[in-house]
Amino acid sequence: MLLDIFSSPIAFGAQLFWFIVVALIGLGAGISAIDSKKEFEKNKKD
């Protein structure tokens, strides 16, 4: 079924959309992880 969706004419737009969504989620998770790590280290020093 997924193969049918991605082989349709709107496949490129759909793939691009999902790529952007996944990239933004990954970026947000990465930033959150870095931020929480800094916060944890700051609390550890005090």
PDB file of N, CA and C in Angstrom:
ATOM      1  N   MET A   1       0.822  -1.205   0.000  1.00  0.00           N
ATOM      2  CA  MET A   1       0.000   0.000   0.000  1.00  0.00           C
ATOM      3  C   MET A   1       0.863   1.265   0.000  1.00  0.00           C
ATOM      4  N   LEU A   2       1.876   1.309   0.859  1.00  0.00           N
ATOM      5  CA  LEU A   2       2.763   2.482   0.865  1.00  0.00           C
ATOM      6  C   LEU A   2       3.454   2.649  -0.478  1.00  0.00           C
ATOM      7  N   LEU A   3       3.803   1.531  -1.094  1.00  0.00           N
ATOM      8  CA  LEU A   3       4.452   1.576  -2.397  1.00  0.00           C
ATOM      9  C   LEU A   3       3.535   2.223  -3.427  1.00  0.00           C
ATOM     10  N   ASP A   4       2.230   1.932  -3.350  1.00  0.00           N
ATOM     11  CA  ASP A   4       1.255   2.547  -4.259  1.00  0.00           C
ATOM     12  C   ASP A   4       1.218   4.056  -4.071  1.00  0.00           C
ATOM     13  N   ILE A   5       1.275   4.486  -2.819  1.00  0.00           N
ATOM     14  CA  ILE A   5       1.234   5.932  -2.532  1.00  0.00           C
ATOM     15  C   ILE A   5       2.471   6.616  -3.110  1.00  0.00           C
ATOM     16  N   PHE A   6       3.652   6.017  -2.875  1.00  0.00           N
ATOM     17  CA  PHE A   6       4.887   6.661  -3.317  1.00  0.00           C
ATOM     18  C   PHE A   6       5.175   6.490  -4.806  1.00  0.00           C
ATOM     19  N   SER A   7       4.426   5.628  -5.497  1.00  0.00           N
ATOM     20  CA  SER A   7       4.626   5.515  -6.943  1.00  0.00           C
ATOM     21  C   SER A   7       3.576   6.327  -7.710  1.00  0.00           C
ATOM     22  N   SER A   8       2.722   7.024  -7.003  1.00  0.00           N
ATOM     23  CA  SER A   8       1.710   7.865  -7.652  1.00  0.00           C
ATOM     24  C   SER A   8       2.342   9.177  -8.115  1.00  0.00           C
ATOM     25  N   PRO A   9       1.661   9.936  -8.958  1.00  0.00           N
ATOM     26  CA  PRO A   9       2.232  11.193  -9.482  1.00  0.00           C
ATOM     27  C   PRO A   9       2.594  12.224  -8.410  1.00  0.00           C
ATOM     28  N   ILE A  10       1.905  12.199  -7.277  1.00  0.00           N
ATOM     29  CA  ILE A  10       2.221  13.172  -6.234  1.00  0.00           C
ATOM     30  C   ILE A  10       3.327  12.659  -5.303  1.00  0.00           C
ATOM     31  N   ALA A  11       3.961  11.547  -5.708  1.00  0.00           N
ATOM     32  CA  ALA A  11       4.956  10.898  -4.858  1.00  0.00           C
ATOM     33  C   ALA A  11       6.073  11.856  -4.441  1.00  0.00           C
ATOM     34  N   PHE A  12       6.604  12.621  -5.387  1.00  0.00           N
ATOM     35  CA  PHE A  12       7.732  13.493  -5.059  1.00  0.00           C
ATOM     36  C   PHE A  12       7.346  14.507  -3.993  1.00  0.00           C
ATOM     37  N   GLY A  13       6.177  15.121  -4.153  1.00  0.00           N
ATOM     38  CA  GLY A  13       5.716  16.091  -3.167  1.00  0.00           C
ATOM     39  C   GLY A  13       5.482  15.446  -1.807  1.00  0.00           C
ATOM     40  N   ALA A  14       4.921  14.237  -1.820  1.00  0.00           N
ATOM     41  CA  ALA A  14       4.665  13.526  -0.565  1.00  0.00           C
ATOM     42  C   ALA A  14       5.974  13.147   0.107  1.00  0.00           C
ATOM     43  N   GLN A  15       6.930  12.655  -0.667  1.00  0.00           N
ATOM     44  CA  GLN A  15       8.227  12.283  -0.108  1.00  0.00           C
ATOM     45  C   GLN A  15       8.933  13.501   0.463  1.00  0.00           C
ATOM     46  N   LEU A  16       8.869  14.604  -0.269  1.00  0.00           N
ATOM     47  CA  LEU A  16       9.495  15.843   0.193  1.00  0.00           C
ATOM     48  C   LEU A  16       8.849  16.314   1.486  1.00  0.00           C
ATOM     49  N   PHE A  17       7.517  16.257   1.543  1.00  0.00           N
ATOM     50  CA  PHE A  17       6.780  16.648   2.743  1.00  0.00           C
ATOM     51  C   PHE A  17       7.209  15.806   3.935  1.00  0.00           C
ATOM     52  N   TRP A  18       7.221  14.478   3.769  1.00  0.00           N
ATOM     53  CA  TRP A  18       7.599  13.595   4.880  1.00  0.00           C
ATOM     54  C   TRP A  18       9.050  13.763   5.265  1.00  0.00           C
ATOM     55  N   PHE A  19       9.913  14.010   4.277  1.00  0.00           N
ATOM     56  CA  PHE A  19      11.323  14.248   4.576  1.00  0.00           C
ATOM     57  C   PHE A  19      11.479  15.486   5.451  1.00  0.00           C
ATOM     58  N   ILE A  20      10.764  16.566   5.105  1.00  0.00           N
ATOM     59  CA  ILE A  20      10.825  17.802   5.888  1.00  0.00           C
ATOM     60  C   ILE A  20      10.281  17.577   7.292  1.00  0.00           C
ATOM     61  N   VAL A  21       9.153  16.874   7.411  1.00  0.00           N
ATOM     62  CA  VAL A  21       8.559  16.585   8.723  1.00  0.00           C
ATOM     63  C   VAL A  21       9.533  15.796   9.596  1.00  0.00           C
ATOM     64  N   VAL A  22      10.099  14.735   9.029  1.00  0.00           N
ATOM     65  CA  VAL A  22      11.035  13.897   9.798  1.00  0.00           C
ATOM     66  C   VAL A  22      12.282  14.693  10.173  1.00  0.00           C
ATOM     67  N   ALA A  23      12.780  15.516   9.253  1.00  0.00           N
ATOM     68  CA  ALA A  23      13.968  16.326   9.533  1.00  0.00           C
ATOM     69  C   ALA A  23      13.691  17.321  10.668  1.00  0.00           C
ATOM     70  N   LEU A  24      12.529  17.958  10.643  1.00  0.00           N
ATOM     71  CA  LEU A  24      12.194  18.916  11.699  1.00  0.00           C
ATOM     72  C   LEU A  24      12.041  18.230  13.051  1.00  0.00           C
ATOM     73  N   ILE A  25      11.416  17.051  13.058  1.00  0.00           N
ATOM     74  CA  ILE A  25      11.264  16.292  14.306  1.00  0.00           C
ATOM     75  C   ILE A  25      12.645  15.896  14.833  1.00  0.00           C
ATOM     76  N   GLY A  26      13.499  15.424  13.949  1.00  0.00           N
ATOM     77  CA  GLY A  26      14.854  15.043  14.345  1.00  0.00           C
ATOM     78  C   GLY A  26      15.644  16.224  14.876  1.00  0.00           C
ATOM     79  N   LEU A  27      15.525  17.344  14.206  1.00  0.00           N
ATOM     80  CA  LEU A  27      16.221  18.558  14.630  1.00  0.00           C
ATOM     81  C   LEU A  27      15.722  19.011  15.992  1.00  0.00           C
ATOM     82  N   GLY A  28      14.407  18.997  16.175  1.00  0.00           N
ATOM     83  CA  GLY A  28      13.827  19.384  17.469  1.00  0.00           C
ATOM     84  C   GLY A  28      14.278  18.461  18.581  1.00  0.00           C
ATOM     85  N   ALA A  29      14.321  17.161  18.309  1.00  0.00           N
ATOM     86  CA  ALA A  29      14.772  16.193  19.316  1.00  0.00           C
ATOM     87  C   ALA A  29      16.244  16.411  19.639  1.00  0.00           C
ATOM     88  N   GLY A  30      17.040  16.673  18.629  1.00  0.00           N
ATOM     89  CA  GLY A  30      18.466  16.923  18.842  1.00  0.00           C
ATOM     90  C   GLY A  30      18.706  18.167  19.676  1.00  0.00           C
ATOM     91  N   ILE A  31      17.997  19.228  19.374  1.00  0.00           N
ATOM     92  CA  ILE A  31      18.135  20.477  20.127  1.00  0.00           C
ATOM     93  C   ILE A  31      17.688  20.265  21.574  1.00  0.00           C
ATOM     94  N   SER A  32      16.599  19.549  21.758  1.00  0.00           N
ATOM     95  CA  SER A  32      16.113  19.259  23.114  1.00  0.00           C
ATOM     96  C   SER A  32      17.137  18.455  23.901  1.00  0.00           C
ATOM     97  N   ALA A  33      17.743  17.460  23.252  1.00  0.00           N
ATOM     98  CA  ALA A  33      18.741  16.623  23.919  1.00  0.00           C
ATOM     99  C   ALA A  33      19.956  17.450  24.326  1.00  0.00           C
ATOM    100  N   ILE A  34      20.417  18.313  23.443  1.00  0.00           N
ATOM    101  CA  ILE A  34      21.573  19.165  23.742  1.00  0.00           C
ATOM    102  C   ILE A  34      21.232  20.120  24.883  1.00  0.00           C
ATOM    103  N   ASP A  35      20.047  20.710  24.811  1.00  0.00           N
ATOM    104  CA  ASP A  35      19.612  21.659  25.828  1.00  0.00           C
ATOM    105  C   ASP A  35      19.490  20.995  27.192  1.00  0.00           C
ATOM    106  N   SER A  36      18.897  19.818  27.235  1.00  0.00           N
ATOM    107  CA  SER A  36      18.723  19.118  28.511  1.00  0.00           C
ATOM    108  C   SER A  36      20.073  18.651  29.058  1.00  0.00           C
ATOM    109  N   LYS A  37      21.002  18.307  28.168  1.00  0.00           N
ATOM    110  CA  LYS A  37      22.345  17.900  28.602  1.00  0.00           C
ATOM    111  C   LYS A  37      23.057  19.081  29.258  1.00  0.00           C
ATOM    112  N   LYS A  38      22.974  20.252  28.633  1.00  0.00           N
ATOM    113  CA  LYS A  38      23.590  21.454  29.209  1.00  0.00           C
ATOM    114  C   LYS A  38      22.972  21.780  30.562  1.00  0.00           C
ATOM    115  N   GLU A  39      21.665  21.678  30.646  1.00  0.00           N
ATOM    116  CA  GLU A  39      20.946  21.963  31.892  1.00  0.00           C
ATOM    117  C   GLU A  39      21.361  20.988  32.990  1.00  0.00           C
ATOM    118  N   PHE A  40      21.499  19.718  32.617  1.00  0.00           N
ATOM    119  CA  PHE A  40      21.900  18.685  33.584  1.00  0.00           C
ATOM    120  C   PHE A  40      23.314  18.954  34.106  1.00  0.00           C
ATOM    121  N   GLU A  41      24.242  19.321  33.186  1.00  0.00           N
ATOM    122  CA  GLU A  41      25.613  19.600  33.598  1.00  0.00           C
ATOM    123  C   GLU A  41      25.681  20.843  34.489  1.00  0.00           C
ATOM    124  N   LYS A  42      24.843  21.837  34.181  1.00  0.00           N
ATOM    125  CA  LYS A  42      24.821  23.053  34.990  1.00  0.00           C
ATOM    126  C   LYS A  42      24.345  22.739  36.396  1.00  0.00           C
ATOM    127  N   ASN A  43      23.314  21.910  36.520  1.00  0.00           N
ATOM    128  CA  ASN A  43      22.784  21.530  37.823  1.00  0.00           C
ATOM    129  C   ASN A  43      23.766  20.664  38.595  1.00  0.00           C
ATOM    130  N   LYS A  44      24.554  19.870  37.893  1.00  0.00           N
ATOM    131  CA  LYS A  44      25.516  18.976  38.515  1.00  0.00           C
ATOM    132  C   LYS A  44      26.651  19.768  39.187  1.00  0.00           C
ATOM    133  N   LYS A  45      27.056  20.887  38.545  1.00  0.00           N
ATOM    134  CA  LYS A  45      28.150  21.711  39.075  1.00  0.00           C
ATOM    135  C   LYS A  45      27.750  22.442  40.350  1.00  0.00           C
ATOM    136  N   ASP A  46      26.487  22.817  40.467  1.00  0.00           N
ATOM    137  CA  ASP A  46      26.034  23.613  41.623  1.00  0.00           C
ATOM    138  C   ASP A  46      26.018  22.813  42.919  1.00  0.00           C
TER     139      ASP A  46
END
